Amino acid sequence: MARSGLAQGANKGHITEQRERAARPSRSKGKLGKRTALCREIAREVAGLSPYERRILDMIKTGGSSADKRVYKYAKRRLGSHKRAIAKREDIKAVNSKMRAKQAGA
């Protein structure tokens, strides 16, 4: 917030220029790197889906109106947290759409 140069008030204090701080290394924690992404992609390609992921994929395929909720609840029981369950659901949906696109193209 800009200082007013006055001794009292909400913006009290000497007028100074705000400097841009250098980004701290801790800010990039958790960001997916190129190498890690490549390794994970190769592992998924070689190993395929785990049994519970195949079951999630089957739930998505058979679908229905409440498929998303059922998939979420199943994934949450397996993975233990809300965030992980939602991420896994979106991941398997992406796998499904990629498979469908591959079938349509071939």
C-alpha atoms as a PDB file:
ATOM      1  CA  MET A   1       0.000   0.000   0.000  1.00  0.00           C
ATOM      2  CA  ALA A   2       1.303   3.464  -0.880  1.00  0.00           C
ATOM      3  CA  ARG A   3       2.454   5.692   1.945  1.00  0.00           C
ATOM      4  CA  SER A   4       1.024   9.206   2.205  1.00  0.00           C
ATOM      5  CA  GLY A   5       3.965  10.992   3.775  1.00  0.00           C
ATOM      6  CA  LEU A   6       1.829  11.983   6.760  1.00  0.00           C
ATOM      7  CA  ALA A   7       2.618  11.006  10.341  1.00  0.00           C
ATOM      8  CA  GLN A   8      -0.907   9.774  11.104  1.00  0.00           C
ATOM      9  CA  GLY A   9      -3.649   7.863   9.286  1.00  0.00           C
ATOM     10  CA  ALA A  10      -4.091   4.534   7.517  1.00  0.00           C
ATOM     11  CA  ASN A  11      -1.186   5.076   5.094  1.00  0.00           C
ATOM     12  CA  LYS A  12       1.151   6.909   7.474  1.00  0.00           C
ATOM     13  CA  GLY A  13       4.886   6.975   6.948  1.00  0.00           C
ATOM     14  CA  HIS A  14       7.660   8.162   4.678  1.00  0.00           C
ATOM     15  CA  ILE A  15       6.923   7.808   0.939  1.00  0.00           C
ATOM     16  CA  THR A  16       8.968   4.909  -0.440  1.00  0.00           C
ATOM     17  CA  GLU A  17       9.093   2.883  -3.616  1.00  0.00           C
ATOM     18  CA  GLN A  18       7.927  -0.731  -3.313  1.00  0.00           C
ATOM     19  CA  ARG A  19      10.679  -3.088  -4.500  1.00  0.00           C
ATOM     20  CA  GLU A  20       9.980  -6.359  -6.278  1.00  0.00           C
ATOM     21  CA  ARG A  21      11.144  -9.253  -4.109  1.00  0.00           C
ATOM     22  CA  ALA A  22      13.044 -12.173  -5.582  1.00  0.00           C
ATOM     23  CA  ALA A  23      10.990 -15.365  -5.705  1.00  0.00           C
ATOM     24  CA  ARG A  24      11.823 -17.730  -2.859  1.00  0.00           C
ATOM     25  CA  PRO A  25      12.612 -21.357  -3.701  1.00  0.00           C
ATOM     26  CA  SER A  26       9.826 -22.506  -1.360  1.00  0.00           C
ATOM     27  CA  ARG A  27       7.286 -20.921  -3.741  1.00  0.00           C
ATOM     28  CA  SER A  28       8.046 -23.500  -6.415  1.00  0.00           C
ATOM     29  CA  LYS A  29       7.558 -26.477  -4.056  1.00  0.00           C
ATOM     30  CA  GLY A  30       5.156 -29.028  -5.466  1.00  0.00           C
ATOM     31  CA  LYS A  31       5.421 -27.772  -9.049  1.00  0.00           C
ATOM     32  CA  LEU A  32       5.640 -30.624 -11.556  1.00  0.00           C
ATOM     33  CA  GLY A  33       8.982 -30.701 -13.354  1.00  0.00           C
ATOM     34  CA  LYS A  34       9.580 -31.901 -16.917  1.00  0.00           C
ATOM     35  CA  ARG A  35      11.625 -34.927 -15.864  1.00  0.00           C
ATOM     36  CA  THR A  36       9.104 -36.091 -13.244  1.00  0.00           C
ATOM     37  CA  ALA A  37       6.221 -35.657 -15.697  1.00  0.00           C
ATOM     38  CA  LEU A  38       8.062 -37.713 -18.313  1.00  0.00           C
ATOM     39  CA  CYS A  39       8.885 -40.478 -15.803  1.00  0.00           C
ATOM     40  CA  ARG A  40       5.271 -40.673 -14.653  1.00  0.00           C
ATOM     41  CA  GLU A  41       4.010 -40.760 -18.231  1.00  0.00           C
ATOM     42  CA  ILE A  42       6.364 -43.627 -19.120  1.00  0.00           C
ATOM     43  CA  ALA A  43       5.433 -45.528 -15.938  1.00  0.00           C
ATOM     44  CA  ARG A  44       1.708 -45.171 -16.732  1.00  0.00           C
ATOM     45  CA  GLU A  45       2.316 -46.325 -20.292  1.00  0.00           C
ATOM     46  CA  VAL A  46       4.318 -49.395 -19.216  1.00  0.00           C
ATOM     47  CA  ALA A  47       2.443 -50.440 -16.073  1.00  0.00           C
ATOM     48  CA  GLY A  48      -1.070 -49.387 -17.064  1.00  0.00           C
ATOM     49  CA  LEU A  49      -3.829 -48.816 -14.532  1.00  0.00           C
ATOM     50  CA  SER A  50      -3.979 -50.394 -11.093  1.00  0.00           C
ATOM     51  CA  PRO A  51      -7.022 -52.562 -10.275  1.00  0.00           C
ATOM     52  CA  TYR A  52      -8.855 -49.822  -8.355  1.00  0.00           C
ATOM     53  CA  GLU A  53      -8.167 -47.358 -11.211  1.00  0.00           C
ATOM     54  CA  ARG A  54      -9.622 -49.874 -13.683  1.00  0.00           C
ATOM     55  CA  ARG A  55     -12.712 -50.116 -11.497  1.00  0.00           C
ATOM     56  CA  ILE A  56     -13.030 -46.306 -11.494  1.00  0.00           C
ATOM     57  CA  LEU A  57     -12.666 -46.331 -15.288  1.00  0.00           C
ATOM     58  CA  ASP A  58     -15.415 -48.954 -15.504  1.00  0.00           C
ATOM     59  CA  MET A  59     -17.674 -46.808 -13.276  1.00  0.00           C
ATOM     60  CA  ILE A  60     -17.092 -43.830 -15.543  1.00  0.00           C
ATOM     61  CA  LYS A  61     -17.807 -45.906 -18.665  1.00  0.00           C
ATOM     62  CA  THR A  62     -21.030 -47.455 -17.345  1.00  0.00           C
ATOM     63  CA  GLY A  63     -21.902 -43.956 -16.174  1.00  0.00           C
ATOM     64  CA  GLY A  64     -25.347 -42.984 -15.117  1.00  0.00           C
ATOM     65  CA  SER A  65     -26.490 -39.773 -13.487  1.00  0.00           C
ATOM     66  CA  SER A  66     -24.597 -40.192 -10.204  1.00  0.00           C
ATOM     67  CA  ALA A  67     -21.404 -41.727 -11.663  1.00  0.00           C
ATOM     68  CA  ASP A  68     -19.235 -38.770 -10.647  1.00  0.00           C
ATOM     69  CA  LYS A  69     -20.376 -38.986  -7.046  1.00  0.00           C
ATOM     70  CA  ARG A  70     -19.909 -42.753  -6.845  1.00  0.00           C
ATOM     71  CA  VAL A  71     -16.450 -42.488  -8.402  1.00  0.00           C
ATOM     72  CA  TYR A  72     -15.543 -39.728  -5.946  1.00  0.00           C
ATOM     73  CA  LYS A  73     -16.749 -41.726  -2.931  1.00  0.00           C
ATOM     74  CA  TYR A  74     -14.887 -44.848  -4.074  1.00  0.00           C
ATOM     75  CA  ALA A  75     -11.681 -42.913  -4.753  1.00  0.00           C
ATOM     76  CA  LYS A  76     -11.938 -41.104  -1.432  1.00  0.00           C
ATOM     77  CA  ARG A  77     -12.180 -44.419   0.444  1.00  0.00           C
ATOM     78  CA  ARG A  78      -9.119 -45.705  -1.425  1.00  0.00           C
ATOM     79  CA  LEU A  79      -6.955 -42.567  -1.321  1.00  0.00           C
ATOM     80  CA  GLY A  80      -7.980 -41.029   1.991  1.00  0.00           C
ATOM     81  CA  SER A  81      -8.580 -37.381   1.112  1.00  0.00           C
ATOM     82  CA  HIS A  82     -11.018 -35.171  -0.763  1.00  0.00           C
ATOM     83  CA  LYS A  83      -8.334 -33.468  -2.864  1.00  0.00           C
ATOM     84  CA  ARG A  84      -6.665 -36.706  -3.920  1.00  0.00           C
ATOM     85  CA  ALA A  85     -10.008 -38.296  -4.801  1.00  0.00           C
ATOM     86  CA  ILE A  86     -11.026 -35.397  -7.044  1.00  0.00           C
ATOM     87  CA  ALA A  87      -7.593 -35.321  -8.706  1.00  0.00           C
ATOM     88  CA  LYS A  88      -7.752 -39.089  -9.356  1.00  0.00           C
ATOM     89  CA  ARG A  89     -11.291 -38.823 -10.758  1.00  0.00           C
ATOM     90  CA  GLU A  90     -10.186 -36.101 -13.201  1.00  0.00           C
ATOM     91  CA  ASP A  91      -7.068 -38.097 -14.110  1.00  0.00           C
ATOM     92  CA  ILE A  92      -9.064 -41.241 -14.937  1.00  0.00           C
ATOM     93  CA  LYS A  93     -11.602 -39.167 -16.877  1.00  0.00           C
ATOM     94  CA  ALA A  94      -8.711 -37.803 -18.951  1.00  0.00           C
ATOM     95  CA  VAL A  95      -7.455 -41.366 -19.540  1.00  0.00           C
ATOM     96  CA  ASN A  96     -10.966 -42.371 -20.643  1.00  0.00           C
ATOM     97  CA  SER A  97     -11.316 -39.429 -23.041  1.00  0.00           C
ATOM     98  CA  LYS A  98      -7.840 -40.141 -24.474  1.00  0.00           C
ATOM     99  CA  MET A  99      -8.827 -43.797 -25.048  1.00  0.00           C
ATOM    100  CA  ARG A 100     -12.088 -42.753 -26.729  1.00  0.00           C
ATOM    101  CA  ALA A 101     -10.257 -40.268 -28.963  1.00  0.00           C
ATOM    102  CA  LYS A 102      -7.749 -42.977 -29.916  1.00  0.00           C
ATOM    103  CA  GLN A 103     -10.587 -45.378 -30.829  1.00  0.00           C
ATOM    104  CA  ALA A 104     -12.384 -42.716 -32.856  1.00  0.00           C
ATOM    105  CA  GLY A 105      -9.182 -41.858 -34.738  1.00  0.00           C
ATOM    106  CA  ALA A 106      -8.215 -45.467 -35.474  1.00  0.00           C
END
